[in-house]
Amino acid sequence: MKYVSDYPREFASLAHAREWLEGFMAYYNHEHRHSGIGYHTPASVHFGTAEQVRDQRARTLAEAYAAHPERFSRRPEPPRLPETVWINDPAKRREAAPQTS
């Protein structure tokens, strides 16, 4: 998040930090399209609308291909939706070694 162009150099207060983060999270979850989830928003995947969006993209791409096939090297398809999505996949996480004193 610190690489976002409007990330503050510093926050004037806790309220300022919370306000900025609230706006960032709204953008990140509802507007930003993530490559790892087929260029959908997290909200679209979470609320189950990603398949409908993908179907509409497929229709739009098919219409574009039908109208101007010379513009494409192959028939375009929207990205597939992943079957599972993780931030930290529990299956790939290593268990922490027990600490001894």
N, C-alpha and C. Protein backbone atom coordinates (compact mmCIF):
# COMPACT_ATOMS: atom_id res chain seq x y z
N MET A 1 0.80 -1.18 0.00
CA MET A 1 0.00 0.00 0.00
C MET A 1 0.86 1.26 0.00
N LYS A 2 2.08 1.16 0.53
CA LYS A 2 2.91 2.36 0.59
C LYS A 2 3.40 2.82 -0.79
N TYR A 3 3.16 2.02 -1.83
CA TYR A 3 3.56 2.41 -3.17
C TYR A 3 2.43 3.11 -3.93
N VAL A 4 1.29 3.29 -3.30
CA VAL A 4 0.18 4.02 -3.90
C VAL A 4 0.58 5.48 -3.98
N SER A 5 0.23 6.13 -5.08
CA SER A 5 0.71 7.50 -5.31
C SER A 5 0.28 8.50 -4.24
N ASP A 6 -0.85 8.28 -3.61
CA ASP A 6 -1.29 9.26 -2.60
C ASP A 6 -1.01 8.81 -1.16
N TYR A 7 -0.13 7.82 -1.00
CA TYR A 7 0.22 7.38 0.36
C TYR A 7 0.91 8.54 1.08
N PRO A 8 0.39 8.93 2.23
CA PRO A 8 0.97 10.08 2.93
C PRO A 8 2.39 9.82 3.41
N ARG A 9 3.19 10.84 3.38
CA ARG A 9 4.55 10.73 3.91
C ARG A 9 4.48 10.40 5.40
N GLU A 10 3.51 10.99 6.05
CA GLU A 10 3.23 10.68 7.45
C GLU A 10 1.76 11.00 7.72
N PHE A 11 1.23 10.38 8.75
CA PHE A 11 -0.15 10.63 9.12
C PHE A 11 -0.16 11.63 10.26
N ALA A 12 -1.04 12.60 10.17
CA ALA A 12 -1.11 13.66 11.19
C ALA A 12 -1.69 13.14 12.50
N SER A 13 -2.50 12.10 12.41
CA SER A 13 -3.14 11.57 13.61
C SER A 13 -3.65 10.16 13.33
N LEU A 14 -4.08 9.49 14.36
CA LEU A 14 -4.68 8.18 14.19
C LEU A 14 -5.95 8.28 13.34
N ALA A 15 -6.71 9.34 13.54
CA ALA A 15 -7.92 9.54 12.74
C ALA A 15 -7.57 9.72 11.27
N HIS A 16 -6.50 10.46 10.99
CA HIS A 16 -6.06 10.65 9.61
C HIS A 16 -5.65 9.31 8.98
N ALA A 17 -4.92 8.49 9.73
CA ALA A 17 -4.50 7.17 9.23
C ALA A 17 -5.72 6.30 8.95
N ARG A 18 -6.67 6.30 9.86
CA ARG A 18 -7.87 5.49 9.67
C ARG A 18 -8.68 5.96 8.47
N GLU A 19 -8.79 7.27 8.31
CA GLU A 19 -9.54 7.82 7.17
C GLU A 19 -8.88 7.43 5.84
N TRP A 20 -7.55 7.57 5.78
CA TRP A 20 -6.85 7.23 4.54
C TRP A 20 -6.99 5.74 4.24
N LEU A 21 -6.81 4.91 5.27
CA LEU A 21 -6.89 3.47 5.08
C LEU A 21 -8.29 3.03 4.66
N GLU A 22 -9.32 3.66 5.19
CA GLU A 22 -10.69 3.33 4.81
C GLU A 22 -10.90 3.58 3.31
N GLY A 23 -10.42 4.71 2.82
CA GLY A 23 -10.53 5.00 1.38
C GLY A 23 -9.73 4.03 0.53
N PHE A 24 -8.51 3.71 1.00
CA PHE A 24 -7.67 2.77 0.27
C PHE A 24 -8.33 1.40 0.18
N MET A 25 -8.86 0.91 1.29
CA MET A 25 -9.48 -0.41 1.31
C MET A 25 -10.72 -0.46 0.42
N ALA A 26 -11.50 0.61 0.39
CA ALA A 26 -12.67 0.66 -0.49
C ALA A 26 -12.22 0.55 -1.95
N TYR A 27 -11.19 1.31 -2.33
CA TYR A 27 -10.66 1.23 -3.69
C TYR A 27 -10.12 -0.16 -3.98
N TYR A 28 -9.28 -0.69 -3.09
CA TYR A 28 -8.61 -1.96 -3.31
C TYR A 28 -9.60 -3.11 -3.44
N ASN A 29 -10.66 -3.11 -2.66
CA ASN A 29 -11.62 -4.20 -2.68
C ASN A 29 -12.72 -4.06 -3.72
N HIS A 30 -13.05 -2.84 -4.13
CA HIS A 30 -14.20 -2.64 -5.01
C HIS A 30 -13.87 -2.07 -6.39
N GLU A 31 -12.66 -1.56 -6.59
CA GLU A 31 -12.32 -0.96 -7.88
C GLU A 31 -11.09 -1.59 -8.54
N HIS A 32 -10.06 -1.87 -7.76
CA HIS A 32 -8.81 -2.40 -8.31
C HIS A 32 -9.00 -3.83 -8.79
N ARG A 33 -8.63 -4.08 -10.04
CA ARG A 33 -8.75 -5.42 -10.60
C ARG A 33 -7.42 -6.15 -10.45
N HIS A 34 -7.48 -7.32 -9.84
CA HIS A 34 -6.29 -8.08 -9.47
C HIS A 34 -5.99 -9.16 -10.51
N SER A 35 -4.76 -9.21 -10.98
CA SER A 35 -4.39 -10.20 -12.00
C SER A 35 -4.52 -11.62 -11.47
N GLY A 36 -4.28 -11.84 -10.20
CA GLY A 36 -4.33 -13.18 -9.62
C GLY A 36 -5.73 -13.76 -9.55
N ILE A 37 -6.75 -12.93 -9.71
CA ILE A 37 -8.13 -13.41 -9.69
C ILE A 37 -8.85 -13.03 -10.98
N GLY A 38 -8.13 -13.15 -12.09
CA GLY A 38 -8.73 -12.96 -13.40
C GLY A 38 -9.16 -11.54 -13.69
N TYR A 39 -8.47 -10.56 -13.14
CA TYR A 39 -8.78 -9.14 -13.31
C TYR A 39 -10.19 -8.80 -12.82
N HIS A 40 -10.54 -9.40 -11.70
CA HIS A 40 -11.78 -9.07 -11.01
C HIS A 40 -11.42 -8.35 -9.73
N THR A 41 -12.40 -7.73 -9.11
CA THR A 41 -12.17 -7.11 -7.81
C THR A 41 -12.38 -8.18 -6.73
N PRO A 42 -11.74 -8.03 -5.59
CA PRO A 42 -12.01 -8.97 -4.50
C PRO A 42 -13.49 -9.02 -4.13
N ALA A 43 -14.16 -7.89 -4.17
CA ALA A 43 -15.59 -7.87 -3.83
C ALA A 43 -16.39 -8.69 -4.82
N SER A 44 -16.08 -8.61 -6.11
CA SER A 44 -16.79 -9.38 -7.12
C SER A 44 -16.62 -10.88 -6.88
N VAL A 45 -15.41 -11.29 -6.55
CA VAL A 45 -15.18 -12.71 -6.27
C VAL A 45 -15.90 -13.12 -4.99
N HIS A 46 -15.78 -12.30 -3.96
CA HIS A 46 -16.37 -12.62 -2.66
C HIS A 46 -17.90 -12.71 -2.73
N PHE A 47 -18.52 -11.77 -3.44
CA PHE A 47 -19.98 -11.73 -3.49
C PHE A 47 -20.57 -12.56 -4.63
N GLY A 48 -19.72 -13.25 -5.38
CA GLY A 48 -20.21 -14.20 -6.38
C GLY A 48 -20.63 -13.63 -7.71
N THR A 49 -20.19 -12.43 -8.05
CA THR A 49 -20.57 -11.85 -9.35
C THR A 49 -19.48 -12.02 -10.41
N ALA A 50 -18.34 -12.62 -10.05
CA ALA A 50 -17.22 -12.73 -10.99
C ALA A 50 -17.57 -13.55 -12.22
N GLU A 51 -18.34 -14.62 -12.07
CA GLU A 51 -18.71 -15.43 -13.24
C GLU A 51 -19.57 -14.64 -14.20
N GLN A 52 -20.49 -13.84 -13.70
CA GLN A 52 -21.34 -13.00 -14.55
C GLN A 52 -20.48 -11.97 -15.29
N VAL A 53 -19.55 -11.37 -14.58
CA VAL A 53 -18.65 -10.39 -15.20
C VAL A 53 -17.81 -11.07 -16.27
N ARG A 54 -17.29 -12.25 -15.99
CA ARG A 54 -16.48 -12.99 -16.96
C ARG A 54 -17.31 -13.34 -18.19
N ASP A 55 -18.56 -13.76 -18.01
CA ASP A 55 -19.43 -14.08 -19.14
C ASP A 55 -19.66 -12.86 -20.02
N GLN A 56 -19.87 -11.70 -19.41
CA GLN A 56 -20.06 -10.47 -20.18
C GLN A 56 -18.78 -10.11 -20.93
N ARG A 57 -17.64 -10.27 -20.29
CA ARG A 57 -16.37 -10.01 -20.97
C ARG A 57 -16.20 -10.94 -22.17
N ALA A 58 -16.58 -12.21 -22.00
CA ALA A 58 -16.47 -13.18 -23.10
C ALA A 58 -17.35 -12.75 -24.28
N ARG A 59 -18.58 -12.29 -23.99
CA ARG A 59 -19.47 -11.83 -25.07
C ARG A 59 -18.88 -10.61 -25.78
N THR A 60 -18.34 -9.68 -25.01
CA THR A 60 -17.75 -8.48 -25.60
C THR A 60 -16.56 -8.82 -26.47
N LEU A 61 -15.70 -9.73 -25.99
CA LEU A 61 -14.54 -10.14 -26.78
C LEU A 61 -14.96 -10.89 -28.04
N ALA A 62 -15.99 -11.72 -27.95
CA ALA A 62 -16.48 -12.45 -29.12
C ALA A 62 -17.03 -11.47 -30.16
N GLU A 63 -17.74 -10.45 -29.72
CA GLU A 63 -18.27 -9.44 -30.64
C GLU A 63 -17.13 -8.67 -31.30
N ALA A 64 -16.12 -8.31 -30.55
CA ALA A 64 -14.97 -7.59 -31.10
C ALA A 64 -14.25 -8.45 -32.12
N TYR A 65 -14.08 -9.74 -31.81
CA TYR A 65 -13.41 -10.65 -32.74
C TYR A 65 -14.22 -10.83 -34.01
N ALA A 66 -15.54 -10.96 -33.87
CA ALA A 66 -16.40 -11.13 -35.05
C ALA A 66 -16.36 -9.90 -35.94
N ALA A 67 -16.32 -8.73 -35.33
CA ALA A 67 -16.32 -7.48 -36.10
C ALA A 67 -14.98 -7.22 -36.77
N HIS A 68 -13.87 -7.58 -36.13
CA HIS A 68 -12.53 -7.27 -36.66
C HIS A 68 -11.54 -8.38 -36.33
N PRO A 69 -11.68 -9.55 -36.93
CA PRO A 69 -10.76 -10.65 -36.61
C PRO A 69 -9.31 -10.34 -36.97
N GLU A 70 -9.10 -9.43 -37.89
CA GLU A 70 -7.73 -9.09 -38.30
C GLU A 70 -6.94 -8.41 -37.18
N ARG A 71 -7.62 -7.91 -36.19
CA ARG A 71 -6.94 -7.23 -35.08
C ARG A 71 -6.38 -8.21 -34.05
N PHE A 72 -6.70 -9.47 -34.20
CA PHE A 72 -6.32 -10.48 -33.20
C PHE A 72 -5.45 -11.56 -33.82
N SER A 73 -4.47 -12.03 -33.06
CA SER A 73 -3.65 -13.14 -33.54
C SER A 73 -4.32 -14.48 -33.23
N ARG A 74 -5.26 -14.46 -32.29
CA ARG A 74 -6.04 -15.65 -31.94
C ARG A 74 -7.36 -15.18 -31.33
N ARG A 75 -8.29 -16.08 -31.19
CA ARG A 75 -9.59 -15.73 -30.60
C ARG A 75 -9.40 -15.36 -29.13
N PRO A 76 -9.82 -14.16 -28.73
CA PRO A 76 -9.60 -13.73 -27.34
C PRO A 76 -10.56 -14.39 -26.36
N GLU A 77 -10.05 -14.66 -25.19
CA GLU A 77 -10.85 -15.23 -24.10
C GLU A 77 -10.51 -14.47 -22.82
N PRO A 78 -11.49 -14.20 -21.97
CA PRO A 78 -11.15 -13.56 -20.70
C PRO A 78 -10.39 -14.54 -19.80
N PRO A 79 -9.62 -14.04 -18.87
CA PRO A 79 -8.87 -14.93 -17.98
C PRO A 79 -9.81 -15.86 -17.20
N ARG A 80 -9.33 -17.06 -16.95
CA ARG A 80 -10.11 -18.02 -16.14
C ARG A 80 -10.13 -17.54 -14.70
N LEU A 81 -11.21 -17.90 -14.04
CA LEU A 81 -11.30 -17.62 -12.61
C LEU A 81 -10.55 -18.71 -11.86
N PRO A 82 -9.77 -18.35 -10.86
CA PRO A 82 -9.08 -19.38 -10.10
C PRO A 82 -10.09 -20.18 -9.28
N GLU A 83 -9.76 -21.43 -9.02
CA GLU A 83 -10.66 -22.26 -8.22
C GLU A 83 -10.54 -21.94 -6.73
N THR A 84 -9.35 -21.56 -6.29
CA THR A 84 -9.16 -21.14 -4.90
C THR A 84 -8.32 -19.88 -4.90
N VAL A 85 -8.53 -19.07 -3.90
CA VAL A 85 -7.79 -17.82 -3.75
C VAL A 85 -7.34 -17.70 -2.31
N TRP A 86 -6.06 -17.44 -2.14
CA TRP A 86 -5.50 -17.29 -0.80
C TRP A 86 -4.58 -16.10 -0.75
N ILE A 87 -4.52 -15.49 0.39
CA ILE A 87 -3.46 -14.52 0.64
C ILE A 87 -2.25 -15.31 1.14
N ASN A 88 -2.48 -16.17 2.11
CA ASN A 88 -1.45 -17.06 2.63
C ASN A 88 -2.04 -18.46 2.63
N ASP A 89 -1.74 -19.23 1.62
CA ASP A 89 -2.29 -20.58 1.48
C ASP A 89 -1.87 -21.44 2.67
N PRO A 90 -2.83 -21.92 3.47
CA PRO A 90 -2.47 -22.72 4.63
C PRO A 90 -1.73 -24.01 4.27
N ALA A 91 -1.99 -24.54 3.08
CA ALA A 91 -1.33 -25.78 2.68
C ALA A 91 0.17 -25.56 2.42
N LYS A 92 0.55 -24.34 2.11
CA LYS A 92 1.95 -24.06 1.79
C LYS A 92 2.71 -23.45 2.96
N ARG A 93 2.00 -23.14 4.03
CA ARG A 93 2.66 -22.54 5.18
C ARG A 93 3.39 -23.61 5.97
N ARG A 94 4.57 -23.27 6.38
CA ARG A 94 5.34 -24.16 7.23
C ARG A 94 4.96 -23.88 8.67
N GLU A 95 4.89 -24.92 9.42
CA GLU A 95 4.64 -24.76 10.84
C GLU A 95 5.90 -24.19 11.49
N ALA A 96 5.71 -23.27 12.37
CA ALA A 96 6.84 -22.69 13.08
C ALA A 96 7.45 -23.76 14.00
N ALA A 97 8.74 -23.78 14.04
CA ALA A 97 9.42 -24.73 14.93
C ALA A 97 9.16 -24.32 16.37
N PRO A 98 8.91 -25.29 17.21
CA PRO A 98 8.67 -24.95 18.63
C PRO A 98 9.89 -24.27 19.20
N GLN A 99 9.64 -23.24 20.00
CA GLN A 99 10.75 -22.53 20.62
C GLN A 99 11.14 -23.20 21.92
N THR A 100 12.40 -23.29 22.11
CA THR A 100 12.90 -23.87 23.37
C THR A 100 13.64 -22.78 24.12
N SER A 101 13.64 -22.90 25.42
CA SER A 101 14.33 -21.87 26.20
C SER A 101 15.72 -22.23 26.56
